[in-house]
Amino acid sequence: MEKKQVIAVIGATGAQGGGLARAILKDTAGPFAVRAVTRNSASERAKALAASGAEIVTAELDDEKSLEGAFAGAYGAFCVTNFWEHSSPERELAQAGNLARAAKAANLQHVIWSTLEDTRKWVPLDDDRMPTLRGKYKVPHFDAKGEADAFFREAGVPTTFLLTTFYWDNFASSAGPQRGADGKLAIALPMGDRKLAGIAVEDIGKCAYGILKQGGELIGKPVGIAGEHLSGEEIAVGLSKAVGEEVQYRPVPADVYRSFGFPGADDLGNMFQFYHDFSDYFLSVRDVNFARKLNPELLSFDDWLARNAGRIRVPCPTPR
C-alpha cells in the first residue's frame, strides 16, 4: 500500500481546520493522512480526532520552533490564525510569519493559507470613507491576514491563498435574530440591497481538501469560495422559515453598526462596509460554482439552515 502524504492541519480542533481534518479522515481511500496540530492534545476534540485516526501533535503559533517540529516530514499544511482569540493584528502577523518560515524550513510541498483581503489596497488609510482603526488598519482582522500573504510568497513557500468569507454559522451565535422593542425578530446588517457572500464553516475545510486533491494546480493562486450570495432580505426569509417566526431584515448604515458598542463592532462595521462598497469585486472572486467543484457537498444557506435550525437561539418575547 502506498504511504499516505501527511497534511499538518493548524487549528484542527477549531472551525476551519477541523473541517479539513474531518474531510481527510472521512476519505479513507484518499491520498492524505492528518497530522492534527493543536495547543492542547488532551482536549476532547483532539481525542476525537485521534480516535478517528489522526496523528496529534502539540505546537503554538507563537513558537516558530514548535511549528517546525509539527511540520517536519509532512507533505503539506493548512495554515490559519484566529484573530478573535486575541484581537491583535500585530500578533496575527507574527504568527503568520512563524507559519511561513516553519513551512519553508520543513520544505513543505503545498501550503494552504486561509486569508482575506488587505482592505487598505481599496481604502487607503487617508481615505475617510471609513474610519482608520488602531492607527494603521481599516479592517484589522482582514488587513493582517492580507498583509501576511507576502510572508509566504517571499519565503518561497508553494502556497494556495484561500479567500474565505462570512460564516453562515454566525447566525447561530453573534449575528442571530434579535427581538426589538416592537417584539419583532430582526437581523441588522449594513449591507443595503447588496448581497452577502456566505459559507458554512465546515465547507471551508472541505474546499481546502478539494484544493489539496488537485495537486499543484492551484499553487501560487488565490482561490475564493462561497456557498451562496444572498441579499439581507433573502437571508431573513430563510431564517424565518427555520425558526418558525418572521425575521425582518433591517439594513442599517455602517456608522450605526460601528456604534453598537460590542467588542469588535468598529472592525465588523468596516468589514460590512467593505462588503457593501466593493460588492462587485468581493462577490466575483468568491465563485460558488468553483467552490462546488472543489467540494461537491457544498451547502446552500437553506441546506445549512435545515441542518442547523436548532442552533439558532430565538429570544423570547418580552412580557407586557
C-alpha atoms as a PDB file:
ATOM      1  CA  MET A   1       0.000   0.000   0.000  1.00  0.00           C
ATOM      2  CA  GLU A   2       1.351   3.425  -0.940  1.00  0.00           C
ATOM      3  CA  LYS A   3       2.199   5.562   2.076  1.00  0.00           C
ATOM      4  CA  LYS A   4      -0.161   8.484   2.546  1.00  0.00           C
ATOM      5  CA  GLN A   5       1.089  12.059   2.370  1.00  0.00           C
ATOM      6  CA  VAL A   6       0.820  13.857   5.703  1.00  0.00           C
ATOM      7  CA  ILE A   7      -1.088  17.133   5.901  1.00  0.00           C
ATOM      8  CA  ALA A   8      -0.343  19.126   9.045  1.00  0.00           C
ATOM      9  CA  VAL A   9      -3.565  20.896   9.939  1.00  0.00           C
ATOM     10  CA  ILE A  10      -3.264  24.022  12.061  1.00  0.00           C
ATOM     11  CA  GLY A  11      -6.387  24.603  14.128  1.00  0.00           C
ATOM     12  CA  ALA A  12      -7.511  21.016  13.656  1.00  0.00           C
ATOM     13  CA  THR A  13      -9.703  21.242  16.761  1.00  0.00           C
ATOM     14  CA  GLY A  14     -11.217  24.521  15.544  1.00  0.00           C
ATOM     15  CA  ALA A  15     -13.667  25.524  12.832  1.00  0.00           C
ATOM     16  CA  GLN A  16     -11.784  25.701   9.528  1.00  0.00           C
ATOM     17  CA  GLY A  17      -9.009  23.230  10.348  1.00  0.00           C
ATOM     18  CA  GLY A  18     -11.495  20.840  11.899  1.00  0.00           C
ATOM     19  CA  GLY A  19     -13.477  20.743   8.677  1.00  0.00           C
ATOM     20  CA  LEU A  20     -10.367  19.819   6.699  1.00  0.00           C
ATOM     21  CA  ALA A  21      -9.241  17.206   9.217  1.00  0.00           C
ATOM     22  CA  ARG A  22     -12.654  15.515   9.151  1.00  0.00           C
ATOM     23  CA  ALA A  23     -12.792  15.620   5.349  1.00  0.00           C
ATOM     24  CA  ILE A  24      -9.435  13.873   5.046  1.00  0.00           C
ATOM     25  CA  LEU A  25     -10.261  11.301   7.719  1.00  0.00           C
ATOM     26  CA  LYS A  26     -13.645  10.548   6.124  1.00  0.00           C
ATOM     27  CA  ASP A  27     -11.957   9.748   2.799  1.00  0.00           C
ATOM     28  CA  THR A  28     -10.269   6.584   3.992  1.00  0.00           C
ATOM     29  CA  ALA A  29      -9.196   5.662   0.471  1.00  0.00           C
ATOM     30  CA  GLY A  30      -7.743   9.108  -0.189  1.00  0.00           C
ATOM     31  CA  PRO A  31      -4.072  10.008  -0.566  1.00  0.00           C
ATOM     32  CA  PHE A  32      -3.655  12.024   2.632  1.00  0.00           C
ATOM     33  CA  ALA A  33      -3.250  11.477   6.360  1.00  0.00           C
ATOM     34  CA  VAL A  34      -3.997  14.035   9.070  1.00  0.00           C
ATOM     35  CA  ARG A  35      -1.497  15.437  11.490  1.00  0.00           C
ATOM     36  CA  ALA A  36      -3.688  17.491  13.809  1.00  0.00           C
ATOM     37  CA  VAL A  37      -1.754  20.437  15.232  1.00  0.00           C
ATOM     38  CA  THR A  38      -3.202  21.737  18.482  1.00  0.00           C
ATOM     39  CA  ARG A  39      -2.170  23.532  21.647  1.00  0.00           C
ATOM     40  CA  ASN A  40      -3.994  21.029  23.813  1.00  0.00           C
ATOM     41  CA  SER A  41      -3.633  17.390  22.854  1.00  0.00           C
ATOM     42  CA  ALA A  42      -5.755  16.395  25.862  1.00  0.00           C
ATOM     43  CA  SER A  43      -8.864  18.269  24.687  1.00  0.00           C
ATOM     44  CA  GLU A  44     -12.000  16.314  23.837  1.00  0.00           C
ATOM     45  CA  ARG A  45     -11.814  17.421  20.205  1.00  0.00           C
ATOM     46  CA  ALA A  46      -8.193  16.270  19.932  1.00  0.00           C
ATOM     47  CA  LYS A  47      -9.120  12.923  21.454  1.00  0.00           C
ATOM     48  CA  ALA A  48     -11.967  12.560  18.961  1.00  0.00           C
ATOM     49  CA  LEU A  49      -9.609  13.216  16.044  1.00  0.00           C
ATOM     50  CA  ALA A  50      -7.113  10.714  17.437  1.00  0.00           C
ATOM     51  CA  ALA A  51      -9.872   8.115  17.732  1.00  0.00           C
ATOM     52  CA  SER A  52     -10.705   8.733  14.056  1.00  0.00           C
ATOM     53  CA  GLY A  53      -7.116   8.091  13.000  1.00  0.00           C
ATOM     54  CA  ALA A  54      -5.370  11.451  13.188  1.00  0.00           C
ATOM     55  CA  GLU A  55      -1.849  11.915  14.477  1.00  0.00           C
ATOM     56  CA  ILE A  56      -1.906  14.531  17.242  1.00  0.00           C
ATOM     57  CA  VAL A  57       0.984  16.942  17.760  1.00  0.00           C
ATOM     58  CA  THR A  58       1.284  19.942  20.047  1.00  0.00           C
ATOM     59  CA  ALA A  59       2.517  23.317  18.821  1.00  0.00           C
ATOM     60  CA  GLU A  60       1.973  27.023  19.444  1.00  0.00           C
ATOM     61  CA  LEU A  61       1.517  29.641  16.735  1.00  0.00           C
ATOM     62  CA  ASP A  62       3.666  31.997  18.797  1.00  0.00           C
ATOM     63  CA  ASP A  63       6.527  29.459  18.845  1.00  0.00           C
ATOM     64  CA  GLU A  64       8.188  29.061  15.454  1.00  0.00           C
ATOM     65  CA  LYS A  65      10.353  26.125  16.572  1.00  0.00           C
ATOM     66  CA  SER A  66       7.318  24.161  17.722  1.00  0.00           C
ATOM     67  CA  LEU A  67       5.739  24.735  14.294  1.00  0.00           C
ATOM     68  CA  GLU A  68       8.873  23.494  12.562  1.00  0.00           C
ATOM     69  CA  GLY A  69       8.550  20.303  14.575  1.00  0.00           C
ATOM     70  CA  ALA A  70       4.866  19.994  13.741  1.00  0.00           C
ATOM     71  CA  PHE A  71       5.597  20.384  10.011  1.00  0.00           C
ATOM     72  CA  ALA A  72       8.691  18.152   9.852  1.00  0.00           C
ATOM     73  CA  GLY A  73       8.285  15.300   7.378  1.00  0.00           C
ATOM     74  CA  ALA A  74       4.840  16.442   6.200  1.00  0.00           C
ATOM     75  CA  TYR A  75       3.867  16.881   2.560  1.00  0.00           C
ATOM     76  CA  GLY A  76       1.707  19.919   3.142  1.00  0.00           C
ATOM     77  CA  ALA A  77      -0.114  22.070   5.672  1.00  0.00           C
ATOM     78  CA  PHE A  78      -3.260  24.053   6.221  1.00  0.00           C
ATOM     79  CA  CYS A  79      -2.385  27.330   7.937  1.00  0.00           C
ATOM     80  CA  VAL A  80      -4.877  29.557   9.717  1.00  0.00           C
ATOM     81  CA  THR A  81      -4.792  32.129  12.507  1.00  0.00           C
ATOM     82  CA  ASN A  82      -7.569  33.143  14.879  1.00  0.00           C
ATOM     83  CA  PHE A  83      -7.692  36.928  15.161  1.00  0.00           C
ATOM     84  CA  TRP A  84     -10.685  36.910  17.509  1.00  0.00           C
ATOM     85  CA  GLU A  85      -8.813  34.878  20.094  1.00  0.00           C
ATOM     86  CA  HIS A  86      -6.653  37.899  20.945  1.00  0.00           C
ATOM     87  CA  SER A  87      -7.890  40.715  18.629  1.00  0.00           C
ATOM     88  CA  SER A  88      -4.311  41.765  17.869  1.00  0.00           C
ATOM     89  CA  PRO A  89      -3.383  42.231  14.201  1.00  0.00           C
ATOM     90  CA  GLU A  90       0.259  42.551  15.207  1.00  0.00           C
ATOM     91  CA  ARG A  91       0.183  39.180  16.936  1.00  0.00           C
ATOM     92  CA  GLU A  92      -1.605  37.668  13.950  1.00  0.00           C
ATOM     93  CA  LEU A  93       1.111  38.978  11.637  1.00  0.00           C
ATOM     94  CA  ALA A  94       3.789  37.499  13.883  1.00  0.00           C
ATOM     95  CA  GLN A  95       2.015  34.140  13.939  1.00  0.00           C
ATOM     96  CA  ALA A  96       1.649  34.111  10.154  1.00  0.00           C
ATOM     97  CA  GLY A  97       5.343  34.860   9.808  1.00  0.00           C
ATOM     98  CA  ASN A  98       6.127  31.932  12.089  1.00  0.00           C
ATOM     99  CA  LEU A  99       3.942  29.658   9.944  1.00  0.00           C
ATOM    100  CA  ALA A 100       5.562  30.761   6.688  1.00  0.00           C
ATOM    101  CA  ARG A 101       9.114  30.359   7.966  1.00  0.00           C
ATOM    102  CA  ALA A 102       8.340  26.983   9.558  1.00  0.00           C
ATOM    103  CA  ALA A 103       6.749  25.788   6.313  1.00  0.00           C
ATOM    104  CA  LYS A 104       9.863  26.821   4.394  1.00  0.00           C
ATOM    105  CA  ALA A 105      12.166  25.139   6.921  1.00  0.00           C
ATOM    106  CA  ALA A 106      10.154  21.908   6.603  1.00  0.00           C
ATOM    107  CA  ASN A 107      10.286  22.110   2.788  1.00  0.00           C
ATOM    108  CA  LEU A 108       6.527  21.617   2.510  1.00  0.00           C
ATOM    109  CA  GLN A 109       5.272  20.922  -0.994  1.00  0.00           C
ATOM    110  CA  HIS A 110       1.848  22.560  -0.685  1.00  0.00           C
ATOM    111  CA  VAL A 111       0.526  25.020   1.881  1.00  0.00           C
ATOM    112  CA  ILE A 112      -2.987  26.417   2.016  1.00  0.00           C
ATOM    113  CA  TRP A 113      -3.057  29.787   3.761  1.00  0.00           C
ATOM    114  CA  SER A 114      -6.529  30.839   4.925  1.00  0.00           C
ATOM    115  CA  THR A 115      -6.534  34.534   4.210  1.00  0.00           C
ATOM    116  CA  LEU A 116      -8.620  37.620   3.465  1.00  0.00           C
ATOM    117  CA  GLU A 117      -8.099  40.879   1.583  1.00  0.00           C
ATOM    118  CA  ASP A 118      -5.879  43.672   2.841  1.00  0.00           C
ATOM    119  CA  THR A 119      -8.637  46.262   2.533  1.00  0.00           C
ATOM    120  CA  ARG A 120      -6.123  49.124   2.594  1.00  0.00           C
ATOM    121  CA  LYS A 121      -5.482  48.356  -1.085  1.00  0.00           C
ATOM    122  CA  TRP A 122      -9.057  49.516  -1.764  1.00  0.00           C
ATOM    123  CA  VAL A 123      -9.443  52.067   1.044  1.00  0.00           C
ATOM    124  CA  PRO A 124      -6.099  53.730   1.892  1.00  0.00           C
ATOM    125  CA  LEU A 125      -5.535  54.938   5.437  1.00  0.00           C
ATOM    126  CA  ASP A 126      -6.067  58.574   4.406  1.00  0.00           C
ATOM    127  CA  ASP A 127      -9.414  57.702   2.785  1.00  0.00           C
ATOM    128  CA  ASP A 128     -12.168  58.892   5.134  1.00  0.00           C
ATOM    129  CA  ARG A 129     -14.907  56.743   3.606  1.00  0.00           C
ATOM    130  CA  MET A 130     -14.412  54.503   6.621  1.00  0.00           C
ATOM    131  CA  PRO A 131     -12.554  55.223   9.861  1.00  0.00           C
ATOM    132  CA  THR A 132      -8.949  54.134  10.309  1.00  0.00           C
ATOM    133  CA  LEU A 133      -8.643  51.801  13.292  1.00  0.00           C
ATOM    134  CA  ARG A 134      -5.661  51.451  15.629  1.00  0.00           C
ATOM    135  CA  GLY A 135      -3.796  54.000  13.544  1.00  0.00           C
ATOM    136  CA  LYS A 136      -2.919  51.681  10.648  1.00  0.00           C
ATOM    137  CA  TYR A 137      -5.827  49.436   9.669  1.00  0.00           C
ATOM    138  CA  LYS A 138      -9.215  49.699   8.038  1.00  0.00           C
ATOM    139  CA  VAL A 139     -10.492  46.183   8.777  1.00  0.00           C
ATOM    140  CA  PRO A 140      -7.909  44.788  11.220  1.00  0.00           C
ATOM    141  CA  HIS A 141      -8.993  41.148  11.057  1.00  0.00           C
ATOM    142  CA  PHE A 142      -8.812  41.289   7.244  1.00  0.00           C
ATOM    143  CA  ASP A 143      -5.780  43.508   6.787  1.00  0.00           C
ATOM    144  CA  ALA A 144      -3.324  41.498   8.874  1.00  0.00           C
ATOM    145  CA  LYS A 145      -4.141  38.282   7.004  1.00  0.00           C
ATOM    146  CA  GLY A 146      -3.868  40.004   3.639  1.00  0.00           C
ATOM    147  CA  GLU A 147      -0.585  41.644   4.592  1.00  0.00           C
ATOM    148  CA  ALA A 148       0.739  38.255   5.710  1.00  0.00           C
ATOM    149  CA  ASP A 149       0.288  36.788   2.209  1.00  0.00           C
ATOM    150  CA  ALA A 150       3.665  38.319   1.410  1.00  0.00           C
ATOM    151  CA  PHE A 151       5.394  36.205   4.073  1.00  0.00           C
ATOM    152  CA  PHE A 152       4.534  33.010   2.197  1.00  0.00           C
ATOM    153  CA  ARG A 153       5.461  34.468  -1.199  1.00  0.00           C
ATOM    154  CA  GLU A 154       8.747  35.948  -0.022  1.00  0.00           C
ATOM    155  CA  ALA A 155       9.724  32.724   1.741  1.00  0.00           C
ATOM    156  CA  GLY A 156       9.164  30.804  -1.490  1.00  0.00           C
ATOM    157  CA  VAL A 157       6.560  28.526   0.072  1.00  0.00           C
ATOM    158  CA  PRO A 158       4.324  26.782  -2.524  1.00  0.00           C
ATOM    159  CA  THR A 159       1.047  28.302  -1.359  1.00  0.00           C
ATOM    160  CA  THR A 160      -2.605  28.460  -2.350  1.00  0.00           C
ATOM    161  CA  PHE A 161      -4.246  31.576  -0.917  1.00  0.00           C
ATOM    162  CA  LEU A 162      -7.737  30.558   0.214  1.00  0.00           C
ATOM    163  CA  LEU A 163     -10.032  33.585   0.438  1.00  0.00           C
ATOM    164  CA  THR A 164     -12.807  32.794   2.892  1.00  0.00           C
ATOM    165  CA  THR A 165     -15.903  34.792   3.753  1.00  0.00           C
ATOM    166  CA  PHE A 166     -18.748  35.296   6.239  1.00  0.00           C
ATOM    167  CA  TYR A 167     -19.780  32.116   8.081  1.00  0.00           C
ATOM    168  CA  TRP A 168     -23.462  31.115   7.963  1.00  0.00           C
ATOM    169  CA  ASP A 169     -22.677  29.760  11.444  1.00  0.00           C
ATOM    170  CA  ASN A 170     -22.595  33.342  12.738  1.00  0.00           C
ATOM    171  CA  PHE A 171     -26.399  33.322  12.525  1.00  0.00           C
ATOM    172  CA  ALA A 172     -26.355  30.667  15.248  1.00  0.00           C
ATOM    173  CA  SER A 173     -24.387  32.990  17.523  1.00  0.00           C
ATOM    174  CA  SER A 174     -23.493  36.679  17.438  1.00  0.00           C
ATOM    175  CA  ALA A 175     -25.369  37.578  14.226  1.00  0.00           C
ATOM    176  CA  GLY A 176     -28.550  35.690  15.100  1.00  0.00           C
ATOM    177  CA  PRO A 177     -32.008  37.264  15.117  1.00  0.00           C
ATOM    178  CA  GLN A 178     -32.652  39.786  17.878  1.00  0.00           C
ATOM    179  CA  ARG A 179     -36.023  40.855  19.219  1.00  0.00           C
ATOM    180  CA  GLY A 180     -36.629  44.578  19.032  1.00  0.00           C
ATOM    181  CA  ALA A 181     -38.683  46.869  21.223  1.00  0.00           C
ATOM    182  CA  ASP A 182     -41.606  46.198  18.884  1.00  0.00           C
ATOM    183  CA  GLY A 183     -41.397  42.496  19.755  1.00  0.00           C
ATOM    184  CA  LYS A 184     -40.371  41.505  16.238  1.00  0.00           C
ATOM    185  CA  LEU A 185     -37.317  39.457  15.308  1.00  0.00           C
ATOM    186  CA  ALA A 186     -34.794  41.074  13.009  1.00  0.00           C
ATOM    187  CA  ILE A 187     -31.250  40.906  11.725  1.00  0.00           C
ATOM    188  CA  ALA A 188     -29.443  44.233  11.384  1.00  0.00           C
ATOM    189  CA  LEU A 189     -26.695  44.362   8.766  1.00  0.00           C
ATOM    190  CA  PRO A 190     -25.152  47.366   6.982  1.00  0.00           C
ATOM    191  CA  MET A 191     -25.499  45.739   3.571  1.00  0.00           C
ATOM    192  CA  GLY A 192     -28.272  47.810   1.992  1.00  0.00           C
ATOM    193  CA  ASP A 193     -29.505  45.889  -1.051  1.00  0.00           C
ATOM    194  CA  ARG A 194     -26.104  44.316  -1.757  1.00  0.00           C
ATOM    195  CA  LYS A 195     -25.561  40.578  -1.490  1.00  0.00           C
ATOM    196  CA  LEU A 196     -23.520  38.862   1.200  1.00  0.00           C
ATOM    197  CA  ALA A 197     -21.178  36.021   0.273  1.00  0.00           C
ATOM    198  CA  GLY A 198     -21.568  33.354   2.952  1.00  0.00           C
ATOM    199  CA  ILE A 199     -20.461  29.805   3.593  1.00  0.00           C
ATOM    200  CA  ALA A 200     -20.905  27.016   6.125  1.00  0.00           C
ATOM    201  CA  VAL A 201     -17.664  26.901   8.087  1.00  0.00           C
ATOM    202  CA  GLU A 202     -17.401  23.132   7.616  1.00  0.00           C
ATOM    203  CA  ASP A 203     -17.316  23.714   3.871  1.00  0.00           C
ATOM    204  CA  ILE A 204     -14.150  25.791   4.124  1.00  0.00           C
ATOM    205  CA  GLY A 205     -12.232  22.702   5.208  1.00  0.00           C
ATOM    206  CA  LYS A 206     -13.915  20.591   2.536  1.00  0.00           C
ATOM    207  CA  CYS A 207     -12.931  23.116  -0.131  1.00  0.00           C
ATOM    208  CA  ALA A 208      -9.375  23.084   1.203  1.00  0.00           C
ATOM    209  CA  TYR A 209      -9.389  19.318   0.772  1.00  0.00           C
ATOM    210  CA  GLY A 210     -10.503  19.798  -2.822  1.00  0.00           C
ATOM    211  CA  ILE A 211      -7.547  22.127  -3.379  1.00  0.00           C
ATOM    212  CA  LEU A 212      -5.119  19.555  -1.989  1.00  0.00           C
ATOM    213  CA  LYS A 213      -6.577  16.849  -4.222  1.00  0.00           C
ATOM    214  CA  GLN A 214      -5.825  18.983  -7.277  1.00  0.00           C
ATOM    215  CA  GLY A 215      -2.122  18.700  -6.507  1.00  0.00           C
ATOM    216  CA  GLY A 216      -0.028  21.670  -7.573  1.00  0.00           C
ATOM    217  CA  GLU A 217      -2.624  23.087  -9.977  1.00  0.00           C
ATOM    218  CA  LEU A 218      -3.657  25.896  -7.619  1.00  0.00           C
ATOM    219  CA  ILE A 219      -0.274  26.684  -6.076  1.00  0.00           C
ATOM    220  CA  GLY A 220       0.517  30.382  -6.268  1.00  0.00           C
ATOM    221  CA  LYS A 221      -3.110  31.294  -6.907  1.00  0.00           C
ATOM    222  CA  PRO A 222      -5.852  32.980  -4.889  1.00  0.00           C
ATOM    223  CA  VAL A 223      -8.965  30.809  -4.556  1.00  0.00           C
ATOM    224  CA  GLY A 224     -12.132  32.490  -3.298  1.00  0.00           C
ATOM    225  CA  ILE A 225     -15.034  30.403  -2.052  1.00  0.00           C
ATOM    226  CA  ALA A 226     -18.659  30.901  -1.012  1.00  0.00           C
ATOM    227  CA  GLY A 227     -21.714  28.700  -0.549  1.00  0.00           C
ATOM    228  CA  GLU A 228     -24.153  31.313  -1.859  1.00  0.00           C
ATOM    229  CA  HIS A 229     -24.537  35.047  -2.477  1.00  0.00           C
ATOM    230  CA  LEU A 230     -27.681  36.327  -0.740  1.00  0.00           C
ATOM    231  CA  SER A 231     -29.347  39.658  -0.025  1.00  0.00           C
ATOM    232  CA  GLY A 232     -30.367  40.584   3.506  1.00  0.00           C
ATOM    233  CA  GLU A 233     -33.992  40.023   2.520  1.00  0.00           C
ATOM    234  CA  GLU A 234     -33.207  36.517   1.258  1.00  0.00           C
ATOM    235  CA  ILE A 235     -31.324  35.708   4.457  1.00  0.00           C
ATOM    236  CA  ALA A 236     -34.263  36.933   6.548  1.00  0.00           C
ATOM    237  CA  VAL A 237     -36.695  34.750   4.563  1.00  0.00           C
ATOM    238  CA  GLY A 238     -34.535  31.690   5.192  1.00  0.00           C
ATOM    239  CA  LEU A 239     -34.202  32.438   8.882  1.00  0.00           C
ATOM    240  CA  SER A 240     -37.959  32.981   9.166  1.00  0.00           C
ATOM    241  CA  LYS A 241     -38.664  29.504   7.795  1.00  0.00           C
ATOM    242  CA  ALA A 242     -36.026  27.963  10.030  1.00  0.00           C
ATOM    243  CA  VAL A 243     -37.223  29.470  13.313  1.00  0.00           C
ATOM    244  CA  GLY A 244     -40.943  29.420  12.538  1.00  0.00           C
ATOM    245  CA  GLU A 245     -41.406  33.151  13.090  1.00  0.00           C
ATOM    246  CA  GLU A 246     -40.944  36.143  10.831  1.00  0.00           C
ATOM    247  CA  VAL A 247     -37.452  37.576  10.869  1.00  0.00           C
ATOM    248  CA  GLN A 248     -37.122  41.008   9.294  1.00  0.00           C
ATOM    249  CA  TYR A 249     -34.061  42.398   7.572  1.00  0.00           C
ATOM    250  CA  ARG A 250     -33.185  45.836   8.881  1.00  0.00           C
ATOM    251  CA  PRO A 251     -30.428  47.484   6.854  1.00  0.00           C
ATOM    252  CA  VAL A 252     -28.513  49.964   8.985  1.00  0.00           C
ATOM    253  CA  PRO A 253     -25.782  52.419   7.984  1.00  0.00           C
ATOM    254  CA  ALA A 254     -22.245  51.260   8.679  1.00  0.00           C
ATOM    255  CA  ASP A 255     -21.768  54.172  11.083  1.00  0.00           C
ATOM    256  CA  VAL A 256     -24.716  52.932  13.131  1.00  0.00           C
ATOM    257  CA  TYR A 257     -23.361  49.388  13.184  1.00  0.00           C
ATOM    258  CA  ARG A 258     -19.948  50.661  14.330  1.00  0.00           C
ATOM    259  CA  SER A 259     -21.677  52.450  17.213  1.00  0.00           C
ATOM    260  CA  PHE A 260     -23.360  49.295  18.598  1.00  0.00           C
ATOM    261  CA  GLY A 261     -20.616  49.053  21.198  1.00  0.00           C
ATOM    262  CA  PHE A 262     -19.933  45.338  21.399  1.00  0.00           C
ATOM    263  CA  PRO A 263     -16.267  44.242  21.197  1.00  0.00           C
ATOM    264  CA  GLY A 264     -15.121  44.477  17.596  1.00  0.00           C
ATOM    265  CA  ALA A 265     -18.146  46.482  16.389  1.00  0.00           C
ATOM    266  CA  ASP A 266     -15.911  49.035  14.651  1.00  0.00           C
ATOM    267  CA  ASP A 267     -13.896  46.300  12.922  1.00  0.00           C
ATOM    268  CA  LEU A 268     -17.025  44.429  11.800  1.00  0.00           C
ATOM    269  CA  GLY A 269     -18.766  47.647  10.774  1.00  0.00           C
ATOM    270  CA  ASN A 270     -15.845  48.412   8.483  1.00  0.00           C
ATOM    271  CA  MET A 271     -15.906  44.819   7.217  1.00  0.00           C
ATOM    272  CA  PHE A 272     -19.556  45.056   6.211  1.00  0.00           C
ATOM    273  CA  GLN A 273     -18.896  48.425   4.589  1.00  0.00           C
ATOM    274  CA  PHE A 274     -16.116  46.787   2.564  1.00  0.00           C
ATOM    275  CA  TYR A 275     -18.536  44.013   1.560  1.00  0.00           C
ATOM    276  CA  HIS A 276     -21.054  46.672   0.521  1.00  0.00           C
ATOM    277  CA  ASP A 277     -18.858  49.259  -1.158  1.00  0.00           C
ATOM    278  CA  PHE A 278     -16.812  46.724  -3.125  1.00  0.00           C
ATOM    279  CA  SER A 279     -19.567  44.197  -3.646  1.00  0.00           C
ATOM    280  CA  ASP A 280     -18.884  43.585  -7.338  1.00  0.00           C
ATOM    281  CA  TYR A 281     -15.266  42.698  -6.646  1.00  0.00           C
ATOM    282  CA  PHE A 282     -15.916  40.717  -3.456  1.00  0.00           C
ATOM    283  CA  LEU A 283     -18.604  38.508  -4.949  1.00  0.00           C
ATOM    284  CA  SER A 284     -16.762  37.989  -8.234  1.00  0.00           C
ATOM    285  CA  VAL A 285     -13.734  36.399  -6.573  1.00  0.00           C
ATOM    286  CA  ARG A 286     -15.852  34.095  -4.395  1.00  0.00           C
ATOM    287  CA  ASP A 287     -17.131  31.793  -7.082  1.00  0.00           C
ATOM    288  CA  VAL A 288     -19.874  29.478  -5.827  1.00  0.00           C
ATOM    289  CA  ASN A 289     -19.593  27.213  -8.863  1.00  0.00           C
ATOM    290  CA  PHE A 290     -15.850  26.742  -8.435  1.00  0.00           C
ATOM    291  CA  ALA A 291     -16.330  26.131  -4.707  1.00  0.00           C
ATOM    292  CA  ARG A 292     -18.804  23.379  -5.607  1.00  0.00           C
ATOM    293  CA  LYS A 293     -16.265  21.800  -7.967  1.00  0.00           C
ATOM    294  CA  LEU A 294     -13.802  21.690  -5.083  1.00  0.00           C
ATOM    295  CA  ASN A 295     -16.486  20.448  -2.705  1.00  0.00           C
ATOM    296  CA  PRO A 296     -19.490  18.721  -4.301  1.00  0.00           C
ATOM    297  CA  GLU A 297     -21.179  18.641  -0.871  1.00  0.00           C
ATOM    298  CA  LEU A 298     -21.208  22.469  -0.670  1.00  0.00           C
ATOM    299  CA  LEU A 299     -24.198  23.705   1.343  1.00  0.00           C
ATOM    300  CA  SER A 300     -26.507  26.487   0.271  1.00  0.00           C
ATOM    301  CA  PHE A 301     -27.936  28.682   3.031  1.00  0.00           C
ATOM    302  CA  ASP A 302     -31.160  26.669   3.046  1.00  0.00           C
ATOM    303  CA  ASP A 303     -29.135  23.458   3.275  1.00  0.00           C
ATOM    304  CA  TRP A 304     -27.224  24.882   6.215  1.00  0.00           C
ATOM    305  CA  LEU A 305     -30.433  26.020   7.913  1.00  0.00           C
ATOM    306  CA  ALA A 306     -32.017  22.584   7.515  1.00  0.00           C
ATOM    307  CA  ARG A 307     -29.118  21.097   9.466  1.00  0.00           C
ATOM    308  CA  ASN A 308     -28.623  23.870  11.994  1.00  0.00           C
ATOM    309  CA  ALA A 309     -32.003  25.466  12.730  1.00  0.00           C
ATOM    310  CA  GLY A 310     -31.910  24.056  16.250  1.00  0.00           C
ATOM    311  CA  ARG A 311     -28.729  26.019  16.985  1.00  0.00           C
ATOM    312  CA  ILE A 312     -30.372  29.390  16.296  1.00  0.00           C
ATOM    313  CA  ARG A 313     -31.408  30.946  19.595  1.00  0.00           C
ATOM    314  CA  VAL A 314     -34.601  32.955  19.346  1.00  0.00           C
ATOM    315  CA  PRO A 315     -35.108  35.488  22.182  1.00  0.00           C
ATOM    316  CA  CYS A 316     -38.398  35.039  23.998  1.00  0.00           C
ATOM    317  CA  PRO A 317     -40.956  37.831  23.685  1.00  0.00           C
ATOM    318  CA  THR A 318     -40.780  40.399  26.462  1.00  0.00           C
ATOM    319  CA  PRO A 319     -43.849  40.104  28.713  1.00  0.00           C
ATOM    320  CA  ARG A 320     -46.112  43.117  28.534  1.00  0.00           C
END
